[in-house]
């Protein structure tokens, strides 16, 4: 099942606490949907949808406590986190905010969490979590983290027709198939520019031209 991407986040005046919670709900950042291959409920989180510049930790925590946590029930569950197109300027909440949200999760809920499927992590995310993950989120959660480079591998763990995946995630997944070096940060994730190659009229070889590549920057 495919859903479209919301409009890009823009800076807005601070909303009331209630309006912030309504915004998180409207954007469907967090949604309990479907089950994994073990029959456990799945909490789907779309990183790109998170309005980091418009909501506070308090609003997010209140929303989770009121709308999400009670509906997870008393049984084990899994999380599918879609990291596709997350960036620092628009939708990344920041490390301190992530830690605050994590600390607000009840201990009983943390114990029932069985796996976090981290879709499209990118090189920088993996390096960061490998270095600081245990310190920020404690070893219990870190051990449950499972990187998923392609959606085809996610369907090995989650029932495919029960979880909605935004269209932009499918698009990025398809692009990775043709540009695999993006997984390792050796190729930009921006569209390729058109290149005009002029006829060779001198002794200068192509080996003399500069080679430019960019490390993919993630939140």
C-alpha atoms as a PDB file:
ATOM      1  CA  UNK A   1       0.000   0.000   0.000  1.00  0.00           C
ATOM      2  CA  UNK A   2       1.391   3.391  -1.004  1.00  0.00           C
ATOM      3  CA  UNK A   3       0.741   6.814   0.458  1.00  0.00           C
ATOM      4  CA  UNK A   4       2.023  10.166  -0.722  1.00  0.00           C
ATOM      5  CA  UNK A   5       4.463  12.513   0.970  1.00  0.00           C
ATOM      6  CA  UNK A   6       3.197  15.580   2.874  1.00  0.00           C
ATOM      7  CA  UNK A   7       4.281  19.109   1.970  1.00  0.00           C
ATOM      8  CA  UNK A   8       7.835  19.968   3.104  1.00  0.00           C
ATOM      9  CA  UNK A   9       8.172  21.315   6.629  1.00  0.00           C
ATOM     10  CA  UNK A  10       8.555  25.066   7.012  1.00  0.00           C
ATOM     11  CA  UNK A  11       9.212  27.238  10.011  1.00  0.00           C
ATOM     12  CA  UNK A  12       5.936  28.165  11.761  1.00  0.00           C
ATOM     13  CA  UNK A  13       5.043  30.079  14.924  1.00  0.00           C
ATOM     14  CA  UNK A  14       4.873  27.888  18.016  1.00  0.00           C
ATOM     15  CA  UNK A  15       1.500  26.156  18.187  1.00  0.00           C
ATOM     16  CA  UNK A  16      -0.422  25.421  21.341  1.00  0.00           C
ATOM     17  CA  UNK A  17       0.299  22.070  22.966  1.00  0.00           C
ATOM     18  CA  UNK A  18      -3.035  20.701  21.756  1.00  0.00           C
ATOM     19  CA  UNK A  19      -2.459  21.920  18.211  1.00  0.00           C
ATOM     20  CA  UNK A  20       0.988  20.351  18.190  1.00  0.00           C
ATOM     21  CA  UNK A  21      -0.498  17.004  19.135  1.00  0.00           C
ATOM     22  CA  UNK A  22      -3.135  17.387  16.433  1.00  0.00           C
ATOM     23  CA  UNK A  23      -0.399  18.111  13.899  1.00  0.00           C
ATOM     24  CA  UNK A  24       1.510  14.931  14.810  1.00  0.00           C
ATOM     25  CA  UNK A  25      -1.722  12.967  14.530  1.00  0.00           C
ATOM     26  CA  UNK A  26      -2.681  14.525  11.184  1.00  0.00           C
ATOM     27  CA  UNK A  27       0.708  13.789   9.614  1.00  0.00           C
ATOM     28  CA  UNK A  28       0.557  10.163  10.797  1.00  0.00           C
ATOM     29  CA  UNK A  29       4.145  10.205  11.988  1.00  0.00           C
ATOM     30  CA  UNK A  30       3.325   7.338  14.344  1.00  0.00           C
ATOM     31  CA  UNK A  31       0.831   4.695  13.335  1.00  0.00           C
ATOM     32  CA  UNK A  32       0.063   1.228  14.676  1.00  0.00           C
ATOM     33  CA  UNK A  33      -0.527  -0.825  11.593  1.00  0.00           C
ATOM     34  CA  UNK A  34      -0.276  -4.477  10.643  1.00  0.00           C
ATOM     35  CA  UNK A  35       1.833  -7.214  12.172  1.00  0.00           C
ATOM     36  CA  UNK A  36       5.240  -8.734  11.682  1.00  0.00           C
ATOM     37  CA  UNK A  37       5.895 -12.342  10.669  1.00  0.00           C
ATOM     38  CA  UNK A  38       5.679 -13.374  14.339  1.00  0.00           C
ATOM     39  CA  UNK A  39       2.166 -11.945  14.691  1.00  0.00           C
ATOM     40  CA  UNK A  40       3.272  -8.944  16.743  1.00  0.00           C
ATOM     41  CA  UNK A  41       1.762  -5.471  16.292  1.00  0.00           C
ATOM     42  CA  UNK A  42       3.857  -3.007  14.288  1.00  0.00           C
ATOM     43  CA  UNK A  43       4.366   0.639  15.171  1.00  0.00           C
ATOM     44  CA  UNK A  44       5.303   2.407  11.927  1.00  0.00           C
ATOM     45  CA  UNK A  45       7.266   5.661  12.258  1.00  0.00           C
ATOM     46  CA  UNK A  46       7.902   7.883   9.208  1.00  0.00           C
ATOM     47  CA  UNK A  47      10.883  10.124   9.942  1.00  0.00           C
ATOM     48  CA  UNK A  48      10.244  12.480   7.030  1.00  0.00           C
ATOM     49  CA  UNK A  49       6.761  13.288   8.326  1.00  0.00           C
ATOM     50  CA  UNK A  50       8.022  14.422  11.747  1.00  0.00           C
ATOM     51  CA  UNK A  51       7.465  18.222  12.126  1.00  0.00           C
ATOM     52  CA  UNK A  52      10.591  18.790  14.197  1.00  0.00           C
ATOM     53  CA  UNK A  53      10.467  22.588  13.872  1.00  0.00           C
ATOM     54  CA  UNK A  54       6.846  22.840  14.995  1.00  0.00           C
ATOM     55  CA  UNK A  55       6.439  20.495  17.967  1.00  0.00           C
ATOM     56  CA  UNK A  56       7.994  20.150  21.408  1.00  0.00           C
ATOM     57  CA  UNK A  57       9.117  17.064  23.318  1.00  0.00           C
ATOM     58  CA  UNK A  58       6.200  17.554  25.667  1.00  0.00           C
ATOM     59  CA  UNK A  59       3.682  17.472  22.821  1.00  0.00           C
ATOM     60  CA  UNK A  60       5.228  14.331  21.314  1.00  0.00           C
ATOM     61  CA  UNK A  61       5.378  12.550  24.661  1.00  0.00           C
ATOM     62  CA  UNK A  62       1.769  13.475  25.448  1.00  0.00           C
ATOM     63  CA  UNK A  63       0.645  12.251  22.048  1.00  0.00           C
ATOM     64  CA  UNK A  64       2.437   8.932  22.457  1.00  0.00           C
ATOM     65  CA  UNK A  65       1.073   8.442  25.976  1.00  0.00           C
ATOM     66  CA  UNK A  66      -2.503   9.209  24.919  1.00  0.00           C
ATOM     67  CA  UNK A  67      -2.775   7.802  21.391  1.00  0.00           C
ATOM     68  CA  UNK A  68      -0.063   5.210  20.798  1.00  0.00           C
ATOM     69  CA  UNK A  69       1.135   3.446  23.943  1.00  0.00           C
ATOM     70  CA  UNK A  70      -2.331   2.340  25.186  1.00  0.00           C
ATOM     71  CA  UNK A  71      -3.124   0.804  21.780  1.00  0.00           C
ATOM     72  CA  UNK A  72      -0.005  -1.345  21.718  1.00  0.00           C
ATOM     73  CA  UNK A  73      -1.600  -3.601  24.285  1.00  0.00           C
ATOM     74  CA  UNK A  74       0.194  -5.865  26.721  1.00  0.00           C
ATOM     75  CA  UNK A  75       1.946  -8.103  24.230  1.00  0.00           C
ATOM     76  CA  UNK A  76       5.329  -7.833  22.443  1.00  0.00           C
ATOM     77  CA  UNK A  77       5.493  -5.489  19.439  1.00  0.00           C
ATOM     78  CA  UNK A  78       7.915  -4.279  16.763  1.00  0.00           C
ATOM     79  CA  UNK A  79       8.794  -0.886  15.278  1.00  0.00           C
ATOM     80  CA  UNK A  80       9.351  -0.071  11.602  1.00  0.00           C
ATOM     81  CA  UNK A  81      11.232   3.212  11.358  1.00  0.00           C
ATOM     82  CA  UNK A  82      11.517   4.766   7.869  1.00  0.00           C
ATOM     83  CA  UNK A  83      14.587   7.021   7.830  1.00  0.00           C
ATOM     84  CA  UNK A  84      14.247   7.902   4.144  1.00  0.00           C
ATOM     85  CA  UNK A  85      14.777  11.626   3.386  1.00  0.00           C
ATOM     86  CA  UNK A  86      15.329  12.642   7.010  1.00  0.00           C
ATOM     87  CA  UNK A  87      17.490  15.761   7.246  1.00  0.00           C
ATOM     88  CA  UNK A  88      18.729  18.076   9.977  1.00  0.00           C
ATOM     89  CA  UNK A  89      17.011  21.222   8.749  1.00  0.00           C
ATOM     90  CA  UNK A  90      13.455  19.962   8.406  1.00  0.00           C
ATOM     91  CA  UNK A  91      12.452  16.785  10.193  1.00  0.00           C
ATOM     92  CA  UNK A  92      15.208  15.537  12.491  1.00  0.00           C
ATOM     93  CA  UNK A  93      14.305  16.137  16.172  1.00  0.00           C
ATOM     94  CA  UNK A  94      17.900  16.181  17.403  1.00  0.00           C
ATOM     95  CA  UNK A  95      19.813  13.779  19.604  1.00  0.00           C
ATOM     96  CA  UNK A  96      18.798  15.314  22.943  1.00  0.00           C
ATOM     97  CA  UNK A  97      15.130  15.270  21.934  1.00  0.00           C
ATOM     98  CA  UNK A  98      15.343  11.655  20.823  1.00  0.00           C
ATOM     99  CA  UNK A  99      16.863  10.730  24.168  1.00  0.00           C
ATOM    100  CA  UNK A 100      14.117  12.644  25.991  1.00  0.00           C
ATOM    101  CA  UNK A 101      11.396  10.816  24.057  1.00  0.00           C
ATOM    102  CA  UNK A 102      13.092   7.480  24.669  1.00  0.00           C
ATOM    103  CA  UNK A 103      13.409   8.149  28.412  1.00  0.00           C
ATOM    104  CA  UNK A 104       9.675   8.941  28.577  1.00  0.00           C
ATOM    105  CA  UNK A 105       8.720   5.483  27.295  1.00  0.00           C
ATOM    106  CA  UNK A 106       7.484   3.287  30.180  1.00  0.00           C
ATOM    107  CA  UNK A 107       9.924   0.552  31.169  1.00  0.00           C
ATOM    108  CA  UNK A 108       7.289  -2.151  30.645  1.00  0.00           C
ATOM    109  CA  UNK A 109       6.828  -0.971  27.062  1.00  0.00           C
ATOM    110  CA  UNK A 110      10.573  -0.989  26.430  1.00  0.00           C
ATOM    111  CA  UNK A 111      10.681  -4.582  27.651  1.00  0.00           C
ATOM    112  CA  UNK A 112       7.908  -5.614  25.235  1.00  0.00           C
ATOM    113  CA  UNK A 113       9.647  -4.030  22.244  1.00  0.00           C
ATOM    114  CA  UNK A 114      11.184  -6.916  20.303  1.00  0.00           C
ATOM    115  CA  UNK A 115      12.775  -5.270  17.250  1.00  0.00           C
ATOM    116  CA  UNK A 116      13.323  -1.897  15.566  1.00  0.00           C
ATOM    117  CA  UNK A 117      13.608  -2.238  11.787  1.00  0.00           C
ATOM    118  CA  UNK A 118      15.605   0.805  10.661  1.00  0.00           C
ATOM    119  CA  UNK A 119      14.858   1.248   6.944  1.00  0.00           C
ATOM    120  CA  UNK A 120      17.312   3.121   4.675  1.00  0.00           C
ATOM    121  CA  UNK A 121      19.821   4.003   7.430  1.00  0.00           C
ATOM    122  CA  UNK A 122      22.653   5.352   5.272  1.00  0.00           C
ATOM    123  CA  UNK A 123      26.336   5.294   6.141  1.00  0.00           C
ATOM    124  CA  UNK A 124      26.380   8.248   8.527  1.00  0.00           C
ATOM    125  CA  UNK A 125      23.445   6.939  10.581  1.00  0.00           C
ATOM    126  CA  UNK A 126      25.108   3.567  10.977  1.00  0.00           C
ATOM    127  CA  UNK A 127      28.436   5.105  11.969  1.00  0.00           C
ATOM    128  CA  UNK A 128      26.777   7.395  14.481  1.00  0.00           C
ATOM    129  CA  UNK A 129      24.731   4.658  16.107  1.00  0.00           C
ATOM    130  CA  UNK A 130      27.690   2.299  16.181  1.00  0.00           C
ATOM    131  CA  UNK A 131      29.619   4.977  18.096  1.00  0.00           C
ATOM    132  CA  UNK A 132      26.981   6.538  20.341  1.00  0.00           C
ATOM    133  CA  UNK A 133      23.965   4.233  20.155  1.00  0.00           C
ATOM    134  CA  UNK A 134      24.721   2.343  23.347  1.00  0.00           C
ATOM    135  CA  UNK A 135      25.248   5.575  25.277  1.00  0.00           C
ATOM    136  CA  UNK A 136      22.114   7.318  24.026  1.00  0.00           C
ATOM    137  CA  UNK A 137      19.633   4.470  24.025  1.00  0.00           C
ATOM    138  CA  UNK A 138      21.234   1.883  26.313  1.00  0.00           C
ATOM    139  CA  UNK A 139      22.304  -1.542  25.243  1.00  0.00           C
ATOM    140  CA  UNK A 140      18.860  -3.124  25.541  1.00  0.00           C
ATOM    141  CA  UNK A 141      17.361  -1.077  22.703  1.00  0.00           C
ATOM    142  CA  UNK A 142      20.569  -0.975  20.691  1.00  0.00           C
ATOM    143  CA  UNK A 143      20.640  -4.775  20.503  1.00  0.00           C
ATOM    144  CA  UNK A 144      17.111  -4.750  19.078  1.00  0.00           C
ATOM    145  CA  UNK A 145      18.094  -2.426  16.222  1.00  0.00           C
ATOM    146  CA  UNK A 146      18.092  -4.115  12.809  1.00  0.00           C
ATOM    147  CA  UNK A 147      19.244  -2.212   9.718  1.00  0.00           C
ATOM    148  CA  UNK A 148      17.175  -2.751   6.568  1.00  0.00           C
ATOM    149  CA  UNK A 149      18.851  -1.491   3.390  1.00  0.00           C
ATOM    150  CA  UNK A 150      15.995  -2.411   1.031  1.00  0.00           C
ATOM    151  CA  UNK A 151      12.254  -2.872   1.380  1.00  0.00           C
ATOM    152  CA  UNK A 152      12.518  -6.406   0.017  1.00  0.00           C
ATOM    153  CA  UNK A 153      14.376  -7.347   3.211  1.00  0.00           C
ATOM    154  CA  UNK A 154      11.733  -5.667   5.370  1.00  0.00           C
ATOM    155  CA  UNK A 155       9.100  -7.992   3.907  1.00  0.00           C
ATOM    156  CA  UNK A 156      11.090 -10.920   5.247  1.00  0.00           C
ATOM    157  CA  UNK A 157      10.146  -9.678   8.715  1.00  0.00           C
ATOM    158  CA  UNK A 158       6.862  -7.788   8.267  1.00  0.00           C
ATOM    159  CA  UNK A 159       3.606  -8.707   6.533  1.00  0.00           C
ATOM    160  CA  UNK A 160       3.830  -6.685   3.349  1.00  0.00           C
ATOM    161  CA  UNK A 161       0.169  -5.929   2.643  1.00  0.00           C
ATOM    162  CA  UNK A 162      -0.549  -4.720   6.175  1.00  0.00           C
ATOM    163  CA  UNK A 163       1.857  -1.772   6.484  1.00  0.00           C
ATOM    164  CA  UNK A 164       1.553   1.429   4.437  1.00  0.00           C
ATOM    165  CA  UNK A 165       4.804   2.644   2.915  1.00  0.00           C
ATOM    166  CA  UNK A 166       4.951   6.193   1.470  1.00  0.00           C
ATOM    167  CA  UNK A 167       5.618   6.461  -2.246  1.00  0.00           C
ATOM    168  CA  UNK A 168       8.871   8.397  -1.736  1.00  0.00           C
ATOM    169  CA  UNK A 169      10.291   5.425   0.176  1.00  0.00           C
ATOM    170  CA  UNK A 170       9.603   3.139  -2.788  1.00  0.00           C
ATOM    171  CA  UNK A 171      11.175   5.723  -5.109  1.00  0.00           C
ATOM    172  CA  UNK A 172      14.331   5.922  -3.008  1.00  0.00           C
ATOM    173  CA  UNK A 173      14.499   2.154  -2.757  1.00  0.00           C
ATOM    174  CA  UNK A 174      14.339   1.849  -6.527  1.00  0.00           C
ATOM    175  CA  UNK A 175      17.038   4.486  -6.959  1.00  0.00           C
ATOM    176  CA  UNK A 176      19.326   2.562  -4.611  1.00  0.00           C
ATOM    177  CA  UNK A 177      19.049  -0.462  -6.897  1.00  0.00           C
ATOM    178  CA  UNK A 178      20.618   1.542  -9.735  1.00  0.00           C
ATOM    179  CA  UNK A 179      23.021   3.564  -7.567  1.00  0.00           C
ATOM    180  CA  UNK A 180      24.249   1.160  -4.880  1.00  0.00           C
ATOM    181  CA  UNK A 181      27.192   3.356  -3.858  1.00  0.00           C
ATOM    182  CA  UNK A 182      24.690   5.660  -2.147  1.00  0.00           C
ATOM    183  CA  UNK A 183      24.500   3.015   0.592  1.00  0.00           C
ATOM    184  CA  UNK A 184      28.138   3.707   1.436  1.00  0.00           C
ATOM    185  CA  UNK A 185      28.085   7.499   1.157  1.00  0.00           C
ATOM    186  CA  UNK A 186      30.234   7.444  -1.983  1.00  0.00           C
ATOM    187  CA  UNK A 187      27.584   8.985  -4.202  1.00  0.00           C
ATOM    188  CA  UNK A 188      25.231  11.881  -3.598  1.00  0.00           C
ATOM    189  CA  UNK A 189      21.563  11.076  -3.036  1.00  0.00           C
ATOM    190  CA  UNK A 190      20.607  14.150  -5.085  1.00  0.00           C
ATOM    191  CA  UNK A 191      19.506  13.760  -8.715  1.00  0.00           C
ATOM    192  CA  UNK A 192      22.358  13.509 -11.164  1.00  0.00           C
ATOM    193  CA  UNK A 193      22.984  16.679 -13.198  1.00  0.00           C
ATOM    194  CA  UNK A 194      23.098  16.501 -16.943  1.00  0.00           C
ATOM    195  CA  UNK A 195      26.659  16.431 -18.219  1.00  0.00           C
ATOM    196  CA  UNK A 196      27.821  17.663 -21.626  1.00  0.00           C
ATOM    197  CA  UNK A 197      30.988  16.086 -22.904  1.00  0.00           C
ATOM    198  CA  UNK A 198      32.750  18.204 -25.534  1.00  0.00           C
ATOM    199  CA  UNK A 199      34.759  16.579 -28.318  1.00  0.00           C
ATOM    200  CA  UNK A 200      38.388  16.102 -27.467  1.00  0.00           C
ATOM    201  CA  UNK A 201      40.419  18.731 -29.328  1.00  0.00           C
ATOM    202  CA  UNK A 202      43.655  18.660 -27.369  1.00  0.00           C
ATOM    203  CA  UNK A 203      46.032  16.252 -25.766  1.00  0.00           C
ATOM    204  CA  UNK A 204      44.338  16.630 -22.391  1.00  0.00           C
ATOM    205  CA  UNK A 205      42.997  13.264 -21.271  1.00  0.00           C
ATOM    206  CA  UNK A 206      39.944  12.528 -19.174  1.00  0.00           C
ATOM    207  CA  UNK A 207      42.255  11.478 -16.358  1.00  0.00           C
ATOM    208  CA  UNK A 208      43.181  15.161 -15.919  1.00  0.00           C
ATOM    209  CA  UNK A 209      39.641  16.186 -15.068  1.00  0.00           C
ATOM    210  CA  UNK A 210      38.629  16.471 -11.394  1.00  0.00           C
ATOM    211  CA  UNK A 211      36.499  13.806  -9.788  1.00  0.00           C
ATOM    212  CA  UNK A 212      34.038  15.118  -7.269  1.00  0.00           C
ATOM    213  CA  UNK A 213      31.900  13.114  -4.939  1.00  0.00           C
ATOM    214  CA  UNK A 214      29.957  14.014  -1.812  1.00  0.00           C
ATOM    215  CA  UNK A 215      29.397  12.153   1.402  1.00  0.00           C
ATOM    216  CA  UNK A 216      25.752  11.750   2.073  1.00  0.00           C
ATOM    217  CA  UNK A 217      24.766  13.898   5.019  1.00  0.00           C
ATOM    218  CA  UNK A 218      22.088  12.578   7.308  1.00  0.00           C
ATOM    219  CA  UNK A 219      20.656  13.711  10.500  1.00  0.00           C
END
